[in-house]
């Protein structure tokens, strides 16, 4: 049995414990308020980006797509023909928007920006499994599960839903796409597809020639000495004075996949509308000037922003509590890696590349930063 504490000390101890509990509860409340304030700040930030895009579209409108140009031209001849082309443009824009009717939310699918993780989480809600190595591909399964909206029902569906997308620095995204889809056609499951559809034609069009190098093929001793002869005077002679080199030109074949510079040449000299979705500018992939998005989340701050965003969707009953997003930053293509790849091309080409992705830089608040010298 513990000894009985004196009455006065015991009262002091109980008072101290009581005060500690009060301070602990007060601190918990402070932490809760700080966390709440941080979440509010995150939501304001990702919502403000959407307003920034809207302002960017007004100040720096993108060029019209070919279908939009056809619609304008057709309007001078036939309103019906103009409406036809407008419908085709809208249909093309809707191809990348995943509308979840049950929860009335719309997500624009942008490859290389956490698209696999989000697609898996959405399919899991339907009891379907899938991963980046699925056959058929995960995105095919996703688009089958969530059918594309009929263009005539856009106002009743997508335009009245909560719309969001994920964005990423344009240069990091295009480098990530190259590394994952084109750099080595043997290491990725879909490498063969990208080589046949893009890599081979890039090489054929932008590979200037086989690389010519000069190599030493034979070493001949000066004065007819054999290589094994020893210098009688034990002199230490410069090798260039002892041996003369016969040189011969040889050709070294490049690997069959395009080099990064060849990939950049392809991007610079190709209409962005013809780009694959993995490196197509996001403003075009999601038609951000046609649809008013409510929230835009940056890949660079993805963990903090997506946690807050998902919690908001769950609290407002737009997503069930069982929705679980399993995402981790694999760190494959960061600023350092991107800089290393861009260093392989001239600064002039980097600026030409910027022009291709100019709207993405302007609309989403990205800069050239350390990517230029």
Foldseek 3Di string as FASTA:
>chain_A
DDDDDDPVVVVVVVVVVVVVVVVVVVVVVVVVVVVVVLLVVLLVVQQVLLVLLQVLCVVPNDDDDPLQVQLVVCVVPDPVSSVVSVQVLLQQLQQQWFFDQVLQEIEGQFPPQLNQLVLQLVVVVVVDHAGCLDVVGSVVVSCVVRPGDRSVCCVVGVQPGAYEYEDEPLLLLVVVCCVAAFPDLPPHPCNVVCCVVPFQVLCVVQVPDFDKDKDFDDKAFPPRDDPPDDDPVNDDDDPCNGIDTDIDIDTDGDPSGDALVSVLVCLLPDQLVPDDSSNRAPCSSNVSNVHRHRGYHYSVCCVSSVVSVVVVSCVVVSDPPPRDRDDDCPVPGDPVNSLVRLVVDDLVSVVSNCVSRVSVCSSSVHDCPPNHD
